[in-house]
Amino acid sequence: MEINNLLKNEITQPAENIETVVVKYPKKKTVEGLVSESQTEPFRVQISQRDVKDPEEKFHDIDFENALEVAIYYFDGKISVHADSNYTS
């Protein structure tokens, strides 16, 4: 999926603004969690998965190259969805 400035600005907001991030990958794989770490150069976002107990699986680096959709849910009720241009849900 394309990483544009809007996506970068939204997903790197202070973590207290974002309730959860849901990433959809091919083969119906979905990863959901809280932003635990982000950096702009090189651009990288890691999420902490809520329901995963195994420490080795708990943190997930978003693979934007393979992601089909990234949905950002905010505490104020706003939802922002970024999708690959070839993806239809």
Protein backbone atom coordinates (compact mmCIF):
# COMPACT_ATOMS: atom_id res chain seq x y z
CA MET A 1 0.00 0.00 0.00
CA GLU A 2 1.12 3.54 -0.63
CA ILE A 3 2.42 5.44 2.39
CA ASN A 4 1.25 9.02 1.92
CA ASN A 5 1.68 12.05 4.16
CA LEU A 6 -1.88 11.83 5.52
CA LEU A 7 -1.29 8.26 6.73
CA LYS A 8 2.07 9.23 8.25
CA ASN A 9 0.56 12.23 10.05
CA GLU A 10 -2.41 10.29 11.40
CA ILE A 11 -0.65 7.15 12.59
CA THR A 12 2.21 9.03 14.26
CA GLN A 13 -0.12 11.22 16.36
CA PRO A 14 0.28 10.97 20.13
CA ALA A 15 -0.80 7.48 21.21
CA GLU A 16 -3.35 8.89 23.65
CA ASN A 17 -5.41 10.13 20.65
CA ILE A 18 -5.57 6.70 18.96
CA GLU A 19 -7.75 3.98 20.46
CA THR A 20 -6.70 1.16 18.16
CA VAL A 21 -5.17 0.36 14.76
CA VAL A 22 -6.43 -2.50 12.59
CA VAL A 23 -4.26 -3.76 9.73
CA LYS A 24 -5.62 -6.15 7.10
CA TYR A 25 -3.25 -8.33 5.11
CA PRO A 26 -3.82 -10.87 2.32
CA LYS A 27 -5.38 -14.24 3.19
CA LYS A 28 -7.71 -12.57 5.73
CA LYS A 29 -4.92 -12.00 8.26
CA THR A 30 -5.81 -9.11 10.58
CA VAL A 31 -3.63 -7.53 13.26
CA GLU A 32 -5.15 -5.18 15.83
CA GLY A 33 -3.59 -3.21 18.63
CA LEU A 34 -2.25 0.03 20.04
CA VAL A 35 0.57 2.07 18.55
CA SER A 36 3.55 1.26 20.76
CA GLU A 37 6.31 2.87 18.72
CA SER A 38 6.67 4.95 15.58
CA GLN A 39 9.48 6.68 13.74
CA THR A 40 9.51 8.86 10.65
CA GLU A 41 12.92 8.09 9.11
CA PRO A 42 12.85 5.38 8.05
CA PHE A 43 9.09 5.25 8.43
CA ARG A 44 8.11 2.46 10.82
CA VAL A 45 5.15 1.76 13.09
CA GLN A 46 4.90 -0.98 15.70
CA ILE A 47 1.66 -1.99 17.37
CA SER A 48 1.11 -3.89 20.59
CA GLN A 49 -1.55 -6.56 20.16
CA ARG A 50 -3.98 -6.62 23.08
CA ASP A 51 -4.96 -10.28 23.15
CA VAL A 52 -1.54 -11.80 22.49
CA LYS A 53 0.25 -13.15 25.57
CA ASP A 54 3.44 -14.48 23.93
CA PRO A 55 6.08 -11.71 24.25
CA GLU A 56 7.63 -12.70 20.92
CA GLU A 57 4.29 -12.26 19.13
CA LYS A 58 2.97 -9.30 21.17
CA PHE A 59 4.56 -6.55 19.07
CA HIS A 60 3.96 -6.28 15.33
CA ASP A 61 5.77 -4.03 12.86
CA ILE A 62 3.22 -2.95 10.27
CA ASP A 63 4.28 -4.27 6.87
CA PHE A 64 2.97 -1.42 4.72
CA GLU A 65 4.28 -3.08 1.57
CA ASN A 66 1.90 -6.03 2.05
CA ALA A 67 -0.91 -4.32 4.00
CA LEU A 68 -4.23 -4.06 2.18
CA GLU A 69 -5.86 -1.68 4.63
CA VAL A 70 -4.97 0.30 7.75
CA ALA A 71 -7.83 1.60 9.88
CA ILE A 72 -7.15 4.07 12.68
CA TYR A 73 -9.81 4.39 15.39
CA TYR A 74 -9.69 7.49 17.59
CA PHE A 75 -11.08 7.98 21.08
CA ASP A 76 -13.28 10.83 19.81
CA GLY A 77 -15.14 8.39 17.52
CA LYS A 78 -13.36 9.34 14.29
CA ILE A 79 -12.26 6.50 12.03
CA SER A 80 -9.67 6.92 9.28
CA VAL A 81 -9.21 4.14 6.74
CA HIS A 82 -6.29 3.92 4.31
CA ALA A 83 -6.47 1.19 1.68
CA ASP A 84 -4.30 -0.14 -1.10
CA SER A 85 -5.61 1.22 -4.40
CA ASN A 86 -6.10 -2.37 -5.67
CA TYR A 87 -7.97 -3.57 -2.57
CA THR A 88 -11.74 -3.79 -2.24
CA SER A 89 -13.11 -5.06 1.05
